[in-house]
Amino acid sequence: MSHAREPETPGGLSSWLGDLDRDLGPDDGPDDVAALAAARRFRDVLGRFASGVTVVTAMADGRPVGMTCQAFASVSLDPPLVLFVPARTSRTWPLIERAGRFCVNLLAADQRGLSDVMAGRGADKFAGLDWTPSAATGSPTFPGTLGHVDCAVHAVHDAGDHHVVIGRVLDLVGTEADRPLLYFRGAYGTTR
């Protein structure tokens, strides 16, 4: 899938487009059937593109916040810019936007549990998690990731039911981990 969202509902990343398997009710007409079919096709085709899984974090009002995001990409080398794409319905994105700074944690193959926790709507997603403030923004970073990218919010663009957030890179760290956590055709995976 090339879209990302903070799923914040049971079902993890596969629930990003909503309940596509719902039963149609008596008031649903042909337009609803066509829209549902189009949404399924969109998800199925774009799900054939493997994407990495990240957790975007920030410090908001003195507390850590985070969300799972699979739409992350580099944008520019000069100046160094990256992007991520949160859903308009995200509860975490407005907190990150107000903070003005964030960190993208690049998840390793064995961090599915972290992805699932950060995809939920828990009151305190960080309870019991081991994390360290990043050097440039103080945003949470997690041990065992492939690395992290510390950013300041550079620009935000509306894009349908999502926002495209451009971050100006302030600092970045790579680690020795070398197997990424991937998302492909509605399931987690990795390489090798």
N, C-alpha and C. Protein backbone atom coordinates (compact mmCIF):
# COMPACT_ATOMS: atom_id res chain seq x y z
N MET A 1 0.82 -1.18 0.00
CA MET A 1 0.00 0.00 0.00
C MET A 1 0.86 1.23 0.00
N SER A 2 0.51 2.21 -0.75
CA SER A 2 1.30 3.42 -0.73
C SER A 2 0.70 4.47 0.19
N HIS A 3 -0.49 4.27 0.68
CA HIS A 3 -1.07 5.19 1.65
C HIS A 3 -0.71 4.72 3.04
N ALA A 4 -0.72 5.65 3.97
CA ALA A 4 -0.52 5.30 5.36
C ALA A 4 -1.58 5.98 6.18
N ARG A 5 -1.79 5.43 7.33
CA ARG A 5 -2.70 6.08 8.25
C ARG A 5 -2.41 5.54 9.61
N GLU A 6 -2.85 6.24 10.57
CA GLU A 6 -2.73 5.77 11.92
C GLU A 6 -3.98 4.94 12.16
N PRO A 7 -3.89 3.61 12.07
CA PRO A 7 -5.08 2.79 12.11
C PRO A 7 -5.90 2.97 13.37
N GLU A 8 -5.30 3.13 14.52
CA GLU A 8 -5.99 3.40 15.77
C GLU A 8 -7.23 2.56 16.00
N THR A 9 -7.37 1.46 15.33
CA THR A 9 -8.47 0.54 15.55
C THR A 9 -7.92 -0.86 15.53
N PRO A 10 -8.61 -1.82 16.18
CA PRO A 10 -8.13 -3.19 16.08
C PRO A 10 -8.04 -3.58 14.61
N GLY A 11 -7.07 -4.38 14.28
CA GLY A 11 -6.90 -4.80 12.90
C GLY A 11 -5.61 -4.27 12.30
N GLY A 12 -4.91 -3.40 13.04
CA GLY A 12 -3.63 -2.93 12.58
C GLY A 12 -3.68 -2.19 11.27
N LEU A 13 -2.62 -2.31 10.50
CA LEU A 13 -2.47 -1.55 9.28
C LEU A 13 -3.52 -1.88 8.24
N SER A 14 -4.04 -3.11 8.24
CA SER A 14 -4.99 -3.48 7.19
C SER A 14 -6.31 -2.74 7.28
N SER A 15 -6.55 -2.05 8.39
CA SER A 15 -7.82 -1.35 8.54
C SER A 15 -7.78 0.08 8.04
N TRP A 16 -6.72 0.48 7.35
CA TRP A 16 -6.54 1.88 6.97
C TRP A 16 -7.67 2.43 6.11
N LEU A 17 -8.33 1.58 5.33
CA LEU A 17 -9.39 2.07 4.44
C LEU A 17 -10.77 1.87 5.03
N GLY A 18 -10.84 1.40 6.25
CA GLY A 18 -12.14 1.20 6.87
C GLY A 18 -12.63 -0.22 6.67
N ASP A 19 -13.89 -0.43 6.97
CA ASP A 19 -14.48 -1.75 6.93
C ASP A 19 -14.97 -2.05 5.52
N LEU A 20 -14.12 -2.66 4.72
CA LEU A 20 -14.50 -2.97 3.35
C LEU A 20 -15.28 -4.27 3.26
N ASP A 21 -15.36 -5.01 4.35
CA ASP A 21 -16.06 -6.28 4.33
C ASP A 21 -17.43 -6.19 4.99
N ARG A 22 -17.93 -4.99 5.16
CA ARG A 22 -19.23 -4.81 5.81
C ARG A 22 -20.35 -5.31 4.90
N ASP A 23 -21.45 -5.67 5.52
CA ASP A 23 -22.63 -6.05 4.76
C ASP A 23 -23.37 -4.80 4.33
N LEU A 24 -23.87 -4.81 3.13
CA LEU A 24 -24.67 -3.68 2.66
C LEU A 24 -26.05 -3.77 3.29
N GLY A 25 -26.56 -2.63 3.71
CA GLY A 25 -27.88 -2.59 4.33
C GLY A 25 -28.97 -2.30 3.32
N PRO A 26 -30.23 -2.30 3.77
CA PRO A 26 -31.35 -2.07 2.86
C PRO A 26 -31.36 -0.68 2.25
N ASP A 27 -30.70 0.29 2.90
CA ASP A 27 -30.68 1.65 2.38
C ASP A 27 -29.49 1.92 1.47
N ASP A 28 -28.61 0.93 1.34
CA ASP A 28 -27.45 1.09 0.46
C ASP A 28 -27.87 0.84 -0.97
N GLY A 29 -27.48 1.76 -1.84
CA GLY A 29 -27.87 1.65 -3.24
C GLY A 29 -26.70 1.25 -4.12
N PRO A 30 -26.91 1.29 -5.43
CA PRO A 30 -25.87 0.90 -6.38
C PRO A 30 -24.59 1.73 -6.25
N ASP A 31 -24.76 3.01 -5.89
CA ASP A 31 -23.57 3.85 -5.73
C ASP A 31 -22.69 3.35 -4.59
N ASP A 32 -23.33 2.87 -3.50
CA ASP A 32 -22.58 2.33 -2.37
C ASP A 32 -21.83 1.06 -2.77
N VAL A 33 -22.48 0.21 -3.55
CA VAL A 33 -21.86 -1.02 -4.01
C VAL A 33 -20.66 -0.69 -4.90
N ALA A 34 -20.83 0.26 -5.81
CA ALA A 34 -19.74 0.66 -6.71
C ALA A 34 -18.59 1.28 -5.93
N ALA A 35 -18.89 2.13 -4.95
CA ALA A 35 -17.84 2.78 -4.15
C ALA A 35 -17.08 1.74 -3.33
N LEU A 36 -17.80 0.78 -2.78
CA LEU A 36 -17.16 -0.27 -2.00
C LEU A 36 -16.24 -1.12 -2.88
N ALA A 37 -16.71 -1.45 -4.06
CA ALA A 37 -15.90 -2.23 -5.02
C ALA A 37 -14.66 -1.45 -5.44
N ALA A 38 -14.82 -0.16 -5.69
CA ALA A 38 -13.68 0.68 -6.09
C ALA A 38 -12.66 0.76 -4.95
N ALA A 39 -13.14 0.90 -3.73
CA ALA A 39 -12.23 0.97 -2.58
C ALA A 39 -11.48 -0.34 -2.40
N ARG A 40 -12.17 -1.47 -2.55
CA ARG A 40 -11.51 -2.77 -2.46
C ARG A 40 -10.43 -2.91 -3.52
N ARG A 41 -10.75 -2.49 -4.75
CA ARG A 41 -9.79 -2.61 -5.85
C ARG A 41 -8.57 -1.71 -5.58
N PHE A 42 -8.81 -0.50 -5.11
CA PHE A 42 -7.72 0.42 -4.78
C PHE A 42 -6.79 -0.22 -3.76
N ARG A 43 -7.38 -0.74 -2.68
CA ARG A 43 -6.59 -1.37 -1.63
C ARG A 43 -5.85 -2.60 -2.15
N ASP A 44 -6.51 -3.42 -2.92
CA ASP A 44 -5.89 -4.65 -3.42
C ASP A 44 -4.72 -4.36 -4.36
N VAL A 45 -4.90 -3.42 -5.29
CA VAL A 45 -3.82 -3.12 -6.23
C VAL A 45 -2.66 -2.44 -5.52
N LEU A 46 -2.91 -1.42 -4.71
CA LEU A 46 -1.81 -0.72 -4.04
C LEU A 46 -1.17 -1.57 -2.96
N GLY A 47 -1.90 -2.56 -2.47
CA GLY A 47 -1.33 -3.49 -1.50
C GLY A 47 -0.24 -4.36 -2.09
N ARG A 48 -0.09 -4.36 -3.41
CA ARG A 48 0.96 -5.14 -4.07
C ARG A 48 2.31 -4.43 -4.03
N PHE A 49 2.31 -3.21 -3.51
CA PHE A 49 3.54 -2.46 -3.35
C PHE A 49 3.99 -2.60 -1.90
N ALA A 50 5.12 -3.24 -1.68
CA ALA A 50 5.63 -3.41 -0.32
C ALA A 50 6.15 -2.07 0.20
N SER A 51 5.83 -1.78 1.44
CA SER A 51 6.33 -0.55 2.05
C SER A 51 6.96 -0.87 3.39
N GLY A 52 7.88 -0.02 3.79
CA GLY A 52 8.45 -0.14 5.11
C GLY A 52 7.46 0.35 6.14
N VAL A 53 7.68 -0.02 7.39
CA VAL A 53 6.79 0.40 8.47
C VAL A 53 7.60 1.29 9.40
N THR A 54 7.02 2.43 9.77
CA THR A 54 7.67 3.37 10.67
C THR A 54 6.75 3.69 11.84
N VAL A 55 7.33 4.25 12.87
CA VAL A 55 6.57 4.85 13.96
C VAL A 55 7.04 6.30 14.05
N VAL A 56 6.09 7.22 13.88
CA VAL A 56 6.37 8.65 13.96
C VAL A 56 6.05 9.09 15.38
N THR A 57 7.00 9.75 16.03
CA THR A 57 6.84 10.15 17.43
C THR A 57 7.10 11.64 17.62
N ALA A 58 6.67 12.13 18.77
CA ALA A 58 6.94 13.52 19.16
C ALA A 58 6.72 13.63 20.66
N MET A 59 7.12 14.76 21.20
CA MET A 59 6.78 15.10 22.58
C MET A 59 5.73 16.20 22.50
N ALA A 60 4.57 15.94 23.08
CA ALA A 60 3.46 16.89 23.04
C ALA A 60 3.03 17.20 24.47
N ASP A 61 3.14 18.44 24.85
CA ASP A 61 2.78 18.85 26.20
C ASP A 61 3.50 18.01 27.25
N GLY A 62 4.78 17.71 26.99
CA GLY A 62 5.59 16.98 27.95
C GLY A 62 5.38 15.48 27.98
N ARG A 63 4.57 14.95 27.09
CA ARG A 63 4.37 13.50 27.08
C ARG A 63 4.62 12.95 25.68
N PRO A 64 5.08 11.69 25.61
CA PRO A 64 5.37 11.10 24.31
C PRO A 64 4.09 10.70 23.58
N VAL A 65 4.08 10.91 22.27
CA VAL A 65 2.97 10.47 21.41
C VAL A 65 3.58 9.77 20.20
N GLY A 66 2.83 8.86 19.60
CA GLY A 66 3.35 8.17 18.44
C GLY A 66 2.26 7.50 17.64
N MET A 67 2.58 7.22 16.39
CA MET A 67 1.65 6.58 15.48
C MET A 67 2.41 5.73 14.46
N THR A 68 1.81 4.61 14.08
CA THR A 68 2.38 3.78 13.03
C THR A 68 2.06 4.41 11.68
N CYS A 69 3.04 4.40 10.79
CA CYS A 69 2.87 5.01 9.47
C CYS A 69 3.67 4.23 8.45
N GLN A 70 3.03 3.84 7.36
CA GLN A 70 3.77 3.13 6.33
C GLN A 70 4.04 3.98 5.09
N ALA A 71 3.51 5.19 5.04
CA ALA A 71 3.81 6.09 3.92
C ALA A 71 4.88 7.07 4.39
N PHE A 72 6.12 6.74 4.09
CA PHE A 72 7.26 7.55 4.45
C PHE A 72 8.22 7.51 3.27
N ALA A 73 8.80 8.64 2.91
CA ALA A 73 9.73 8.67 1.78
C ALA A 73 10.68 9.85 1.91
N SER A 74 11.82 9.73 1.25
CA SER A 74 12.71 10.88 1.13
C SER A 74 12.17 11.76 0.02
N VAL A 75 12.39 13.06 0.14
CA VAL A 75 11.86 14.03 -0.83
C VAL A 75 12.98 14.77 -1.52
N SER A 76 13.93 15.28 -0.74
CA SER A 76 14.97 16.16 -1.30
C SER A 76 16.26 15.98 -0.53
N LEU A 77 17.39 16.07 -1.26
CA LEU A 77 18.70 16.02 -0.64
C LEU A 77 19.17 17.41 -0.22
N ASP A 78 18.79 18.43 -1.01
CA ASP A 78 19.22 19.80 -0.72
C ASP A 78 18.06 20.76 -0.91
N PRO A 79 17.37 21.14 0.17
CA PRO A 79 17.63 20.80 1.55
C PRO A 79 17.14 19.38 1.84
N PRO A 80 17.63 18.77 2.92
CA PRO A 80 17.20 17.41 3.25
C PRO A 80 15.75 17.41 3.77
N LEU A 81 14.87 16.79 2.98
CA LEU A 81 13.44 16.73 3.32
C LEU A 81 12.93 15.30 3.20
N VAL A 82 11.98 14.94 4.07
CA VAL A 82 11.28 13.67 4.01
C VAL A 82 9.79 13.95 4.10
N LEU A 83 8.98 12.91 3.87
CA LEU A 83 7.54 13.09 4.04
C LEU A 83 6.93 11.88 4.72
N PHE A 84 5.81 12.11 5.40
CA PHE A 84 4.95 11.03 5.87
C PHE A 84 3.52 11.49 5.68
N VAL A 85 2.58 10.52 5.71
CA VAL A 85 1.21 10.81 5.31
C VAL A 85 0.21 10.31 6.36
N PRO A 86 -0.17 11.15 7.33
CA PRO A 86 -1.17 10.74 8.31
C PRO A 86 -2.61 10.98 7.80
N ALA A 87 -3.53 10.20 8.30
CA ALA A 87 -4.94 10.37 7.95
C ALA A 87 -5.49 11.63 8.61
N ARG A 88 -6.47 12.23 7.97
CA ARG A 88 -7.15 13.39 8.56
C ARG A 88 -7.82 13.02 9.88
N THR A 89 -8.20 11.75 10.03
CA THR A 89 -8.89 11.29 11.24
C THR A 89 -7.93 10.96 12.38
N SER A 90 -6.63 11.06 12.15
CA SER A 90 -5.65 10.73 13.17
C SER A 90 -5.82 11.62 14.40
N ARG A 91 -5.77 11.01 15.56
CA ARG A 91 -5.79 11.77 16.81
C ARG A 91 -4.39 12.23 17.19
N THR A 92 -3.39 11.52 16.70
CA THR A 92 -2.01 11.83 17.06
C THR A 92 -1.42 12.93 16.20
N TRP A 93 -1.76 12.98 14.93
CA TRP A 93 -1.17 13.98 14.04
C TRP A 93 -1.34 15.41 14.55
N PRO A 94 -2.52 15.84 15.02
CA PRO A 94 -2.62 17.23 15.51
C PRO A 94 -1.65 17.52 16.67
N LEU A 95 -1.36 16.52 17.51
CA LEU A 95 -0.41 16.71 18.60
C LEU A 95 1.01 16.88 18.05
N ILE A 96 1.35 16.07 17.05
CA ILE A 96 2.66 16.19 16.42
C ILE A 96 2.79 17.54 15.71
N GLU A 97 1.73 17.93 15.01
CA GLU A 97 1.77 19.21 14.29
C GLU A 97 1.99 20.37 15.26
N ARG A 98 1.28 20.37 16.39
CA ARG A 98 1.46 21.43 17.38
C ARG A 98 2.87 21.43 17.95
N ALA A 99 3.45 20.24 18.12
CA ALA A 99 4.82 20.15 18.64
C ALA A 99 5.81 20.77 17.65
N GLY A 100 5.50 20.65 16.35
CA GLY A 100 6.35 21.24 15.32
C GLY A 100 7.60 20.43 14.99
N ARG A 101 7.82 19.35 15.72
CA ARG A 101 8.98 18.49 15.52
C ARG A 101 8.55 17.05 15.68
N PHE A 102 9.24 16.16 14.99
CA PHE A 102 8.89 14.74 15.09
C PHE A 102 10.10 13.89 14.74
N CYS A 103 9.97 12.60 15.02
CA CYS A 103 11.02 11.64 14.71
C CYS A 103 10.38 10.43 14.03
N VAL A 104 10.95 10.00 12.92
CA VAL A 104 10.49 8.81 12.22
C VAL A 104 11.41 7.66 12.58
N ASN A 105 10.88 6.65 13.26
CA ASN A 105 11.61 5.46 13.63
C ASN A 105 11.40 4.40 12.55
N LEU A 106 12.47 3.91 11.95
CA LEU A 106 12.40 2.92 10.88
C LEU A 106 12.43 1.53 11.52
N LEU A 107 11.30 0.83 11.47
CA LEU A 107 11.18 -0.42 12.22
C LEU A 107 11.92 -1.59 11.58
N ALA A 108 12.51 -2.41 12.44
CA ALA A 108 13.21 -3.63 12.04
C ALA A 108 12.23 -4.79 12.03
N ALA A 109 12.66 -5.89 11.43
CA ALA A 109 11.81 -7.06 11.20
C ALA A 109 11.14 -7.59 12.46
N ASP A 110 11.80 -7.49 13.60
CA ASP A 110 11.24 -8.06 14.84
C ASP A 110 10.41 -7.05 15.65
N GLN A 111 10.00 -5.94 15.04
CA GLN A 111 9.28 -4.91 15.79
C GLN A 111 7.80 -4.80 15.42
N ARG A 112 7.21 -5.91 15.01
CA ARG A 112 5.78 -5.92 14.70
C ARG A 112 4.95 -5.51 15.94
N GLY A 113 5.34 -5.97 17.10
CA GLY A 113 4.62 -5.63 18.32
C GLY A 113 4.58 -4.13 18.55
N LEU A 114 5.70 -3.46 18.33
CA LEU A 114 5.76 -2.00 18.48
C LEU A 114 4.83 -1.33 17.47
N SER A 115 4.83 -1.82 16.24
CA SER A 115 3.93 -1.29 15.22
C SER A 115 2.48 -1.43 15.65
N ASP A 116 2.13 -2.59 16.16
CA ASP A 116 0.74 -2.83 16.58
C ASP A 116 0.34 -1.92 17.74
N VAL A 117 1.24 -1.74 18.71
CA VAL A 117 0.94 -0.87 19.86
C VAL A 117 0.70 0.56 19.38
N MET A 118 1.57 1.05 18.51
CA MET A 118 1.46 2.43 18.04
C MET A 118 0.32 2.62 17.04
N ALA A 119 -0.23 1.54 16.52
CA ALA A 119 -1.39 1.62 15.62
C ALA A 119 -2.69 1.67 16.40
N GLY A 120 -2.65 1.42 17.70
CA GLY A 120 -3.85 1.39 18.52
C GLY A 120 -4.24 2.76 19.04
N ARG A 121 -5.34 2.78 19.78
CA ARG A 121 -5.84 4.02 20.37
C ARG A 121 -5.67 4.05 21.87
N GLY A 122 -4.69 3.35 22.38
CA GLY A 122 -4.48 3.28 23.82
C GLY A 122 -4.25 4.63 24.45
N ALA A 123 -4.68 4.76 25.69
CA ALA A 123 -4.51 6.01 26.43
C ALA A 123 -3.02 6.33 26.61
N ASP A 124 -2.21 5.31 26.91
CA ASP A 124 -0.78 5.52 27.05
C ASP A 124 -0.06 4.43 26.28
N LYS A 125 0.19 4.69 25.01
CA LYS A 125 0.86 3.71 24.15
C LYS A 125 2.28 3.43 24.62
N PHE A 126 2.86 4.32 25.40
CA PHE A 126 4.26 4.19 25.80
C PHE A 126 4.44 3.47 27.13
N ALA A 127 3.36 3.08 27.78
CA ALA A 127 3.46 2.37 29.06
C ALA A 127 4.24 1.08 28.86
N GLY A 128 5.32 0.94 29.60
CA GLY A 128 6.13 -0.27 29.55
C GLY A 128 7.09 -0.35 28.37
N LEU A 129 7.12 0.66 27.50
CA LEU A 129 8.03 0.65 26.36
C LEU A 129 9.36 1.30 26.72
N ASP A 130 10.43 0.73 26.18
CA ASP A 130 11.76 1.29 26.36
C ASP A 130 11.99 2.30 25.24
N TRP A 131 12.23 3.56 25.58
CA TRP A 131 12.52 4.57 24.57
C TRP A 131 13.48 5.61 25.15
N THR A 132 14.12 6.33 24.23
CA THR A 132 15.10 7.35 24.57
C THR A 132 14.79 8.60 23.76
N PRO A 133 14.93 9.80 24.33
CA PRO A 133 14.72 11.02 23.54
C PRO A 133 15.80 11.17 22.47
N SER A 134 15.38 11.57 21.29
CA SER A 134 16.34 11.80 20.21
C SER A 134 17.15 13.07 20.51
N ALA A 135 18.31 13.15 19.89
CA ALA A 135 19.22 14.27 20.16
C ALA A 135 18.69 15.61 19.69
N ALA A 136 18.08 15.67 18.51
CA ALA A 136 17.70 16.96 17.93
C ALA A 136 16.34 17.46 18.38
N THR A 137 15.37 16.57 18.57
CA THR A 137 14.01 17.03 18.88
C THR A 137 13.49 16.55 20.23
N GLY A 138 14.17 15.59 20.84
CA GLY A 138 13.69 15.02 22.09
C GLY A 138 12.55 14.05 21.90
N SER A 139 12.22 13.73 20.66
CA SER A 139 11.14 12.78 20.36
C SER A 139 11.59 11.36 20.68
N PRO A 140 10.65 10.49 21.03
CA PRO A 140 11.02 9.11 21.37
C PRO A 140 11.67 8.35 20.21
N THR A 141 12.74 7.64 20.55
CA THR A 141 13.37 6.67 19.64
C THR A 141 13.37 5.34 20.37
N PHE A 142 13.36 4.26 19.61
CA PHE A 142 13.26 2.93 20.19
C PHE A 142 14.50 2.10 19.89
N PRO A 143 14.94 1.28 20.85
CA PRO A 143 16.09 0.42 20.59
C PRO A 143 15.73 -0.64 19.55
N GLY A 144 16.72 -1.03 18.76
CA GLY A 144 16.52 -2.10 17.80
C GLY A 144 15.98 -1.70 16.45
N THR A 145 15.73 -0.39 16.23
CA THR A 145 15.23 0.05 14.93
C THR A 145 16.37 0.05 13.90
N LEU A 146 16.00 0.23 12.63
CA LEU A 146 17.01 0.39 11.58
C LEU A 146 17.68 1.75 11.67
N GLY A 147 17.00 2.69 12.31
CA GLY A 147 17.49 4.05 12.47
C GLY A 147 16.33 4.98 12.72
N HIS A 148 16.64 6.27 12.81
CA HIS A 148 15.59 7.27 12.97
C HIS A 148 15.99 8.57 12.30
N VAL A 149 14.97 9.37 11.97
CA VAL A 149 15.16 10.64 11.29
C VAL A 149 14.42 11.71 12.09
N ASP A 150 15.17 12.64 12.65
CA ASP A 150 14.61 13.74 13.44
C ASP A 150 14.29 14.91 12.52
N CYS A 151 13.10 15.48 12.66
CA CYS A 151 12.65 16.51 11.73
C CYS A 151 11.90 17.65 12.40
N ALA A 152 11.86 18.78 11.71
CA ALA A 152 10.96 19.88 12.03
C ALA A 152 9.90 19.91 10.94
N VAL A 153 8.66 20.22 11.31
CA VAL A 153 7.61 20.32 10.30
C VAL A 153 7.96 21.46 9.36
N HIS A 154 8.07 21.17 8.08
CA HIS A 154 8.45 22.15 7.06
C HIS A 154 7.21 22.66 6.31
N ALA A 155 6.30 21.74 5.97
CA ALA A 155 5.07 22.10 5.25
C ALA A 155 4.05 20.98 5.43
N VAL A 156 2.79 21.35 5.33
CA VAL A 156 1.69 20.37 5.41
C VAL A 156 0.74 20.67 4.26
N HIS A 157 0.42 19.64 3.48
CA HIS A 157 -0.47 19.78 2.33
C HIS A 157 -1.66 18.86 2.49
N ASP A 158 -2.86 19.37 2.20
CA ASP A 158 -4.05 18.53 2.22
C ASP A 158 -4.02 17.62 0.99
N ALA A 159 -4.40 16.36 1.19
CA ALA A 159 -4.40 15.39 0.09
C ALA A 159 -5.55 14.41 0.30
N GLY A 160 -6.75 14.79 -0.10
CA GLY A 160 -7.90 13.92 0.07
C GLY A 160 -8.18 13.66 1.53
N ASP A 161 -8.22 12.39 1.91
CA ASP A 161 -8.51 12.04 3.30
C ASP A 161 -7.24 11.95 4.15
N HIS A 162 -6.14 12.47 3.64
CA HIS A 162 -4.86 12.47 4.35
C HIS A 162 -4.20 13.85 4.27
N HIS A 163 -3.14 14.02 5.02
CA HIS A 163 -2.25 15.18 4.92
C HIS A 163 -0.90 14.65 4.44
N VAL A 164 -0.21 15.43 3.65
CA VAL A 164 1.18 15.13 3.30
C VAL A 164 2.04 16.07 4.13
N VAL A 165 2.82 15.50 5.02
CA VAL A 165 3.66 16.28 5.92
C VAL A 165 5.10 16.22 5.43
N ILE A 166 5.66 17.38 5.16
CA ILE A 166 7.05 17.47 4.74
C ILE A 166 7.86 17.87 5.97
N GLY A 167 8.90 17.09 6.25
CA GLY A 167 9.77 17.38 7.38
C GLY A 167 11.17 17.77 6.93
N ARG A 168 11.70 18.81 7.54
CA ARG A 168 13.09 19.22 7.29
C ARG A 168 13.98 18.41 8.24
N VAL A 169 14.89 17.65 7.70
CA VAL A 169 15.73 16.76 8.51
C VAL A 169 16.72 17.57 9.33
N LEU A 170 16.70 17.32 10.64
CA LEU A 170 17.62 17.98 11.58
C LEU A 170 18.77 17.06 11.97
N ASP A 171 18.47 15.76 12.01
CA ASP A 171 19.48 14.77 12.40
C ASP A 171 18.97 13.41 11.95
N LEU A 172 19.90 12.49 11.70
CA LEU A 172 19.50 11.13 11.36
C LEU A 172 20.55 10.16 11.86
N VAL A 173 20.08 8.97 12.25
CA VAL A 173 20.95 7.96 12.83
C VAL A 173 20.62 6.61 12.20
N GLY A 174 21.62 5.91 11.71
CA GLY A 174 21.46 4.54 11.22
C GLY A 174 22.03 3.58 12.25
N THR A 175 21.54 2.34 12.24
CA THR A 175 22.02 1.35 13.20
C THR A 175 22.54 0.12 12.45
N GLU A 176 22.94 -0.88 13.20
CA GLU A 176 23.45 -2.12 12.63
C GLU A 176 22.32 -3.06 12.18
N ALA A 177 21.10 -2.83 12.62
CA ALA A 177 19.98 -3.69 12.20
C ALA A 177 19.86 -3.61 10.68
N ASP A 178 19.54 -4.74 10.04
CA ASP A 178 19.51 -4.70 8.58
C ASP A 178 18.30 -5.40 7.95
N ARG A 179 17.37 -5.87 8.76
CA ARG A 179 16.17 -6.50 8.19
C ARG A 179 14.96 -5.63 8.52
N PRO A 180 14.32 -5.05 7.50
CA PRO A 180 13.19 -4.13 7.74
C PRO A 180 11.89 -4.87 8.01
N LEU A 181 11.01 -4.21 8.74
CA LEU A 181 9.62 -4.66 8.85
C LEU A 181 8.89 -4.10 7.65
N LEU A 182 8.27 -4.96 6.87
CA LEU A 182 7.56 -4.55 5.67
C LEU A 182 6.08 -4.83 5.81
N TYR A 183 5.29 -4.16 4.97
CA TYR A 183 3.86 -4.41 4.90
C TYR A 183 3.52 -4.67 3.43
N PHE A 184 2.93 -5.84 3.16
CA PHE A 184 2.66 -6.25 1.79
C PHE A 184 1.40 -7.08 1.74
N ARG A 185 0.46 -6.67 0.89
CA ARG A 185 -0.81 -7.38 0.68
C ARG A 185 -1.53 -7.67 1.99
N GLY A 186 -1.58 -6.65 2.84
CA GLY A 186 -2.35 -6.76 4.07
C GLY A 186 -1.69 -7.53 5.20
N ALA A 187 -0.38 -7.78 5.10
CA ALA A 187 0.31 -8.54 6.15
C ALA A 187 1.73 -8.02 6.34
N TYR A 188 2.26 -8.25 7.54
CA TYR A 188 3.65 -7.92 7.81
C TYR A 188 4.56 -8.94 7.16
N GLY A 189 5.77 -8.51 6.84
CA GLY A 189 6.78 -9.40 6.29
C GLY A 189 8.14 -8.78 6.47
N THR A 190 9.14 -9.42 5.88
CA THR A 190 10.50 -8.88 5.91
C THR A 190 11.25 -9.44 4.72
N THR A 191 12.54 -9.15 4.64
CA THR A 191 13.38 -9.67 3.58
C THR A 191 14.17 -10.85 4.11
N ARG A 192 14.69 -11.65 3.21
CA ARG A 192 15.52 -12.83 3.52
C ARG A 192 14.78 -13.86 4.29
